[in-house]
Amino acid sequence: MNDETMIPMSALRAALKMRAVAYAHMFDVMREHLGEEKAQEIGQEATRRLGQDMGPNFAKFAPNDL
């Protein structure tokens, strides 16, 4: 990565914060429409699917006995 492609840490932090706020709003809307239990089920399933998609990218960093 060269100086032209580097992203300032402040921009990275802002992007992560915005993503967290977006997820919080999505959860609030699901909870309002579906109830807390169903909203949590949906959030857990979405998180599991994300882990399945992203897991292979990080498998090389996992312990051998995982």
PDB file of N, CA and C in Angstrom:
ATOM      1  N   MET A   1       0.844  -1.170   0.000  1.00  0.00           N
ATOM      2  CA  MET A   1       0.000   0.000   0.000  1.00  0.00           C
ATOM      3  C   MET A   1       0.890   1.234   0.000  1.00  0.00           C
ATOM      4  N   ASN A   2       0.585   2.175  -0.862  1.00  0.00           N
ATOM      5  CA  ASN A   2       1.375   3.403  -0.900  1.00  0.00           C
ATOM      6  C   ASN A   2       0.597   4.555  -0.270  1.00  0.00           C
ATOM      7  N   ASP A   3       1.227   5.722  -0.203  1.00  0.00           N
ATOM      8  CA  ASP A   3       0.600   6.871   0.454  1.00  0.00           C
ATOM      9  C   ASP A   3      -0.714   7.284  -0.206  1.00  0.00           C
ATOM     10  N   GLU A   4      -0.860   7.030  -1.491  1.00  0.00           N
ATOM     11  CA  GLU A   4      -2.075   7.425  -2.194  1.00  0.00           C
ATOM     12  C   GLU A   4      -3.263   6.552  -1.828  1.00  0.00           C
ATOM     13  N   THR A   5      -3.030   5.327  -1.382  1.00  0.00           N
ATOM     14  CA  THR A   5      -4.134   4.422  -1.076  1.00  0.00           C
ATOM     15  C   THR A   5      -4.384   4.260   0.417  1.00  0.00           C
ATOM     16  N   MET A   6      -3.573   4.873   1.248  1.00  0.00           N
ATOM     17  CA  MET A   6      -3.765   4.749   2.693  1.00  0.00           C
ATOM     18  C   MET A   6      -4.978   5.566   3.134  1.00  0.00           C
ATOM     19  N   ILE A   7      -5.732   5.003   4.052  1.00  0.00           N
ATOM     20  CA  ILE A   7      -6.914   5.663   4.590  1.00  0.00           C
ATOM     21  C   ILE A   7      -6.579   6.173   5.988  1.00  0.00           C
ATOM     22  N   PRO A   8      -6.890   7.425   6.283  1.00  0.00           N
ATOM     23  CA  PRO A   8      -6.616   7.932   7.636  1.00  0.00           C
ATOM     24  C   PRO A   8      -7.408   7.147   8.684  1.00  0.00           C
ATOM     25  N   MET A   9      -6.820   6.950   9.853  1.00  0.00           N
ATOM     26  CA  MET A   9      -7.495   6.222  10.931  1.00  0.00           C
ATOM     27  C   MET A   9      -8.812   6.890  11.302  1.00  0.00           C
ATOM     28  N   SER A  10      -8.867   8.203  11.234  1.00  0.00           N
ATOM     29  CA  SER A  10     -10.112   8.905  11.578  1.00  0.00           C
ATOM     30  C   SER A  10     -11.240   8.511  10.619  1.00  0.00           C
ATOM     31  N   ALA A  11     -10.919   8.322   9.349  1.00  0.00           N
ATOM     32  CA  ALA A  11     -11.926   7.900   8.373  1.00  0.00           C
ATOM     33  C   ALA A  11     -12.365   6.469   8.645  1.00  0.00           C
ATOM     34  N   LEU A  12     -11.424   5.613   9.000  1.00  0.00           N
ATOM     35  CA  LEU A  12     -11.755   4.228   9.323  1.00  0.00           C
ATOM     36  C   LEU A  12     -12.653   4.166  10.553  1.00  0.00           C
ATOM     37  N   ARG A  13     -12.292   4.918  11.583  1.00  0.00           N
ATOM     38  CA  ARG A  13     -13.114   4.940  12.806  1.00  0.00           C
ATOM     39  C   ARG A  13     -14.518   5.461  12.511  1.00  0.00           C
ATOM     40  N   ALA A  14     -14.616   6.500  11.703  1.00  0.00           N
ATOM     41  CA  ALA A  14     -15.921   7.065  11.360  1.00  0.00           C
ATOM     42  C   ALA A  14     -16.767   6.052  10.597  1.00  0.00           C
ATOM     43  N   ALA A  15     -16.154   5.315   9.689  1.00  0.00           N
ATOM     44  CA  ALA A  15     -16.886   4.310   8.923  1.00  0.00           C
ATOM     45  C   ALA A  15     -17.381   3.185   9.829  1.00  0.00           C
ATOM     46  N   LEU A  16     -16.540   2.744  10.762  1.00  0.00           N
ATOM     47  CA  LEU A  16     -16.946   1.687  11.691  1.00  0.00           C
ATOM     48  C   LEU A  16     -18.070   2.160  12.608  1.00  0.00           C
ATOM     49  N   LYS A  17     -17.980   3.406  13.061  1.00  0.00           N
ATOM     50  CA  LYS A  17     -19.027   3.958  13.922  1.00  0.00           C
ATOM     51  C   LYS A  17     -20.347   4.046  13.162  1.00  0.00           C
ATOM     52  N   MET A  18     -20.298   4.506  11.912  1.00  0.00           N
ATOM     53  CA  MET A  18     -21.509   4.612  11.113  1.00  0.00           C
ATOM     54  C   MET A  18     -22.133   3.231  10.892  1.00  0.00           C
ATOM     55  N   ARG A  19     -21.308   2.228  10.657  1.00  0.00           N
ATOM     56  CA  ARG A  19     -21.812   0.867  10.471  1.00  0.00           C
ATOM     57  C   ARG A  19     -22.491   0.373  11.745  1.00  0.00           C
ATOM     58  N   ALA A  20     -21.882   0.629  12.896  1.00  0.00           N
ATOM     59  CA  ALA A  20     -22.470   0.208  14.169  1.00  0.00           C
ATOM     60  C   ALA A  20     -23.819   0.890  14.398  1.00  0.00           C
ATOM     61  N   VAL A  21     -23.903   2.174  14.075  1.00  0.00           N
ATOM     62  CA  VAL A  21     -25.163   2.901  14.233  1.00  0.00           C
ATOM     63  C   VAL A  21     -26.221   2.327  13.291  1.00  0.00           C
ATOM     64  N   ALA A  22     -25.833   1.989  12.068  1.00  0.00           N
ATOM     65  CA  ALA A  22     -26.779   1.401  11.115  1.00  0.00           C
ATOM     66  C   ALA A  22     -27.316   0.074  11.639  1.00  0.00           C
ATOM     67  N   TYR A  23     -26.434  -0.780  12.172  1.00  0.00           N
ATOM     68  CA  TYR A  23     -26.882  -2.059  12.737  1.00  0.00           C
ATOM     69  C   TYR A  23     -27.818  -1.840  13.919  1.00  0.00           C
ATOM     70  N   ALA A  24     -27.526  -0.859  14.750  1.00  0.00           N
ATOM     71  CA  ALA A  24     -28.389  -0.571  15.899  1.00  0.00           C
ATOM     72  C   ALA A  24     -29.777  -0.136  15.432  1.00  0.00           C
ATOM     73  N   HIS A  25     -29.840   0.699  14.410  1.00  0.00           N
ATOM     74  CA  HIS A  25     -31.138   1.120  13.878  1.00  0.00           C
ATOM     75  C   HIS A  25     -31.893  -0.064  13.278  1.00  0.00           C
ATOM     76  N   MET A  26     -31.187  -0.928  12.548  1.00  0.00           N
ATOM     77  CA  MET A  26     -31.853  -2.099  11.970  1.00  0.00           C
ATOM     78  C   MET A  26     -32.438  -2.981  13.064  1.00  0.00           C
ATOM     79  N   PHE A  27     -31.665  -3.192  14.132  1.00  0.00           N
ATOM     80  CA  PHE A  27     -32.163  -4.011  15.229  1.00  0.00           C
ATOM     81  C   PHE A  27     -33.385  -3.358  15.872  1.00  0.00           C
ATOM     82  N   ASP A  28     -33.334  -2.049  16.088  1.00  0.00           N
ATOM     83  CA  ASP A  28     -34.473  -1.351  16.690  1.00  0.00           C
ATOM     84  C   ASP A  28     -35.739  -1.516  15.855  1.00  0.00           C
ATOM     85  N   VAL A  29     -35.612  -1.384  14.542  1.00  0.00           N
ATOM     86  CA  VAL A  29     -36.775  -1.522  13.660  1.00  0.00           C
ATOM     87  C   VAL A  29     -37.297  -2.957  13.691  1.00  0.00           C
ATOM     88  N   MET A  30     -36.391  -3.938  13.635  1.00  0.00           N
ATOM     89  CA  MET A  30     -36.839  -5.338  13.718  1.00  0.00           C
ATOM     90  C   MET A  30     -37.540  -5.597  15.045  1.00  0.00           C
ATOM     91  N   ARG A  31     -36.991  -5.070  16.127  1.00  0.00           N
ATOM     92  CA  ARG A  31     -37.596  -5.270  17.447  1.00  0.00           C
ATOM     93  C   ARG A  31     -38.986  -4.642  17.504  1.00  0.00           C
ATOM     94  N   GLU A  32     -39.135  -3.451  16.950  1.00  0.00           N
ATOM     95  CA  GLU A  32     -40.437  -2.778  16.949  1.00  0.00           C
ATOM     96  C   GLU A  32     -41.475  -3.559  16.150  1.00  0.00           C
ATOM     97  N   HIS A  33     -41.065  -4.135  15.029  1.00  0.00           N
ATOM     98  CA  HIS A  33     -42.006  -4.824  14.147  1.00  0.00           C
ATOM     99  C   HIS A  33     -42.210  -6.293  14.502  1.00  0.00           C
ATOM    100  N   LEU A  34     -41.178  -6.932  15.049  1.00  0.00           N
ATOM    101  CA  LEU A  34     -41.221  -8.381  15.237  1.00  0.00           C
ATOM    102  C   LEU A  34     -41.105  -8.828  16.687  1.00  0.00           C
ATOM    103  N   GLY A  35     -40.761  -7.916  17.570  1.00  0.00           N
ATOM    104  CA  GLY A  35     -40.523  -8.272  18.960  1.00  0.00           C
ATOM    105  C   GLY A  35     -39.045  -8.555  19.195  1.00  0.00           C
ATOM    106  N   GLU A  36     -38.649  -8.435  20.470  1.00  0.00           N
ATOM    107  CA  GLU A  36     -37.232  -8.572  20.815  1.00  0.00           C
ATOM    108  C   GLU A  36     -36.679  -9.961  20.509  1.00  0.00           C
ATOM    109  N   GLU A  37     -37.435 -11.003  20.850  1.00  0.00           N
ATOM    110  CA  GLU A  37     -36.931 -12.367  20.649  1.00  0.00           C
ATOM    111  C   GLU A  37     -36.662 -12.653  19.172  1.00  0.00           C
ATOM    112  N   LYS A  38     -37.615 -12.311  18.315  1.00  0.00           N
ATOM    113  CA  LYS A  38     -37.443 -12.559  16.877  1.00  0.00           C
ATOM    114  C   LYS A  38     -36.317 -11.696  16.310  1.00  0.00           C
ATOM    115  N   ALA A  39     -36.208 -10.459  16.764  1.00  0.00           N
ATOM    116  CA  ALA A  39     -35.127  -9.583  16.301  1.00  0.00           C
ATOM    117  C   ALA A  39     -33.769 -10.169  16.673  1.00  0.00           C
ATOM    118  N   GLN A  40     -33.665 -10.722  17.877  1.00  0.00           N
ATOM    119  CA  GLN A  40     -32.405 -11.351  18.284  1.00  0.00           C
ATOM    120  C   GLN A  40     -32.109 -12.590  17.448  1.00  0.00           C
ATOM    121  N   GLU A  41     -33.140 -13.400  17.176  1.00  0.00           N
ATOM    122  CA  GLU A  41     -32.947 -14.587  16.330  1.00  0.00           C
ATOM    123  C   GLU A  41     -32.408 -14.189  14.957  1.00  0.00           C
ATOM    124  N   ILE A  42     -32.994 -13.164  14.372  1.00  0.00           N
ATOM    125  CA  ILE A  42     -32.560 -12.705  13.051  1.00  0.00           C
ATOM    126  C   ILE A  42     -31.129 -12.187  13.113  1.00  0.00           C
ATOM    127  N   GLY A  43     -30.817 -11.396  14.129  1.00  0.00           N
ATOM    128  CA  GLY A  43     -29.460 -10.879  14.284  1.00  0.00           C
ATOM    129  C   GLY A  43     -28.437 -11.989  14.460  1.00  0.00           C
ATOM    130  N   GLN A  44     -28.791 -13.003  15.246  1.00  0.00           N
ATOM    131  CA  GLN A  44     -27.875 -14.125  15.455  1.00  0.00           C
ATOM    132  C   GLN A  44     -27.657 -14.914  14.167  1.00  0.00           C
ATOM    133  N   GLU A  45     -28.726 -15.141  13.422  1.00  0.00           N
ATOM    134  CA  GLU A  45     -28.596 -15.874  12.157  1.00  0.00           C
ATOM    135  C   GLU A  45     -27.762 -15.081  11.152  1.00  0.00           C
ATOM    136  N   ALA A  46     -27.986 -13.781  11.081  1.00  0.00           N
ATOM    137  CA  ALA A  46     -27.200 -12.944  10.171  1.00  0.00           C
ATOM    138  C   ALA A  46     -25.728 -12.952  10.563  1.00  0.00           C
ATOM    139  N   THR A  47     -25.449 -12.906  11.860  1.00  0.00           N
ATOM    140  CA  THR A  47     -24.067 -12.941  12.339  1.00  0.00           C
ATOM    141  C   THR A  47     -23.418 -14.279  12.017  1.00  0.00           C
ATOM    142  N   ARG A  48     -24.162 -15.374  12.183  1.00  0.00           N
ATOM    143  CA  ARG A  48     -23.640 -16.704  11.857  1.00  0.00           C
ATOM    144  C   ARG A  48     -23.301 -16.795  10.365  1.00  0.00           C
ATOM    145  N   ARG A  49     -24.192 -16.290   9.531  1.00  0.00           N
ATOM    146  CA  ARG A  49     -23.940 -16.329   8.085  1.00  0.00           C
ATOM    147  C   ARG A  49     -22.727 -15.486   7.702  1.00  0.00           C
ATOM    148  N   LEU A  50     -22.590 -14.330   8.332  1.00  0.00           N
ATOM    149  CA  LEU A  50     -21.417 -13.498   8.077  1.00  0.00           C
ATOM    150  C   LEU A  50     -20.151 -14.247   8.459  1.00  0.00           C
ATOM    151  N   GLY A  51     -20.193 -14.929   9.603  1.00  0.00           N
ATOM    152  CA  GLY A  51     -19.045 -15.726  10.034  1.00  0.00           C
ATOM    153  C   GLY A  51     -18.704 -16.820   9.037  1.00  0.00           C
ATOM    154  N   GLN A  52     -19.724 -17.469   8.484  1.00  0.00           N
ATOM    155  CA  GLN A  52     -19.480 -18.505   7.474  1.00  0.00           C
ATOM    156  C   GLN A  52     -18.840 -17.910   6.221  1.00  0.00           C
ATOM    157  N   ASP A  53     -19.301 -16.746   5.831  1.00  0.00           N
ATOM    158  CA  ASP A  53     -18.738 -16.099   4.642  1.00  0.00           C
ATOM    159  C   ASP A  53     -17.312 -15.612   4.870  1.00  0.00           C
ATOM    160  N   MET A  54     -17.071 -15.019   6.036  1.00  0.00           N
ATOM    161  CA  MET A  54     -15.777 -14.402   6.314  1.00  0.00           C
ATOM    162  C   MET A  54     -14.763 -15.375   6.900  1.00  0.00           C
ATOM    163  N   GLY A  55     -15.231 -16.440   7.529  1.00  0.00           N
ATOM    164  CA  GLY A  55     -14.349 -17.385   8.204  1.00  0.00           C
ATOM    165  C   GLY A  55     -13.197 -17.894   7.361  1.00  0.00           C
ATOM    166  N   PRO A  56     -13.451 -18.320   6.135  1.00  0.00           N
ATOM    167  CA  PRO A  56     -12.345 -18.835   5.322  1.00  0.00           C
ATOM    168  C   PRO A  56     -11.211 -17.823   5.124  1.00  0.00           C
ATOM    169  N   ASN A  57     -11.536 -16.536   5.125  1.00  0.00           N
ATOM    170  CA  ASN A  57     -10.498 -15.511   4.969  1.00  0.00           C
ATOM    171  C   ASN A  57      -9.549 -15.455   6.157  1.00  0.00           C
ATOM    172  N   PHE A  58     -10.019 -15.901   7.321  1.00  0.00           N
ATOM    173  CA  PHE A  58      -9.229 -15.794   8.543  1.00  0.00           C
ATOM    174  C   PHE A  58      -8.792 -17.146   9.088  1.00  0.00           C
ATOM    175  N   ALA A  59      -9.136 -18.228   8.403  1.00  0.00           N
ATOM    176  CA  ALA A  59      -8.817 -19.573   8.886  1.00  0.00           C
ATOM    177  C   ALA A  59      -7.321 -19.766   9.096  1.00  0.00           C
ATOM    178  N   LYS A  60      -6.511 -19.147   8.278  1.00  0.00           N
ATOM    179  CA  LYS A  60      -5.063 -19.327   8.398  1.00  0.00           C
ATOM    180  C   LYS A  60      -4.515 -18.749   9.705  1.00  0.00           C
ATOM    181  N   PHE A  61      -5.282 -17.888  10.368  1.00  0.00           N
ATOM    182  CA  PHE A  61      -4.843 -17.292  11.630  1.00  0.00           C
ATOM    183  C   PHE A  61      -5.324 -18.073  12.851  1.00  0.00           C
ATOM    184  N   ALA A  62      -6.196 -19.046  12.643  1.00  0.00           N
ATOM    185  CA  ALA A  62      -6.780 -19.804  13.754  1.00  0.00           C
ATOM    186  C   ALA A  62      -5.800 -20.858  14.265  1.00  0.00           C
ATOM    187  N   PRO A  63      -5.943 -21.236  15.551  1.00  0.00           N
ATOM    188  CA  PRO A  63      -5.105 -22.323  16.064  1.00  0.00           C
ATOM    189  C   PRO A  63      -5.417 -23.621  15.325  1.00  0.00           C
ATOM    190  N   ASN A  64      -4.469 -24.506  15.272  1.00  0.00           N
ATOM    191  CA  ASN A  64      -4.643 -25.770  14.548  1.00  0.00           C
ATOM    192  C   ASN A  64      -5.721 -26.657  15.146  1.00  0.00           C
ATOM    193  N   ASP A  65      -5.999 -26.515  16.448  1.00  0.00           N
ATOM    194  CA  ASP A  65      -6.975 -27.393  17.096  1.00  0.00           C
ATOM    195  C   ASP A  65      -8.369 -26.772  17.197  1.00  0.00           C
ATOM    196  N   LEU A  66      -8.640 -25.727  16.452  1.00  0.00           N
ATOM    197  CA  LEU A  66      -9.940 -25.059  16.517  1.00  0.00           C
ATOM    198  C   LEU A  66     -10.951 -25.773  15.662  1.00  0.00           C
TER     199      LEU A  66
END
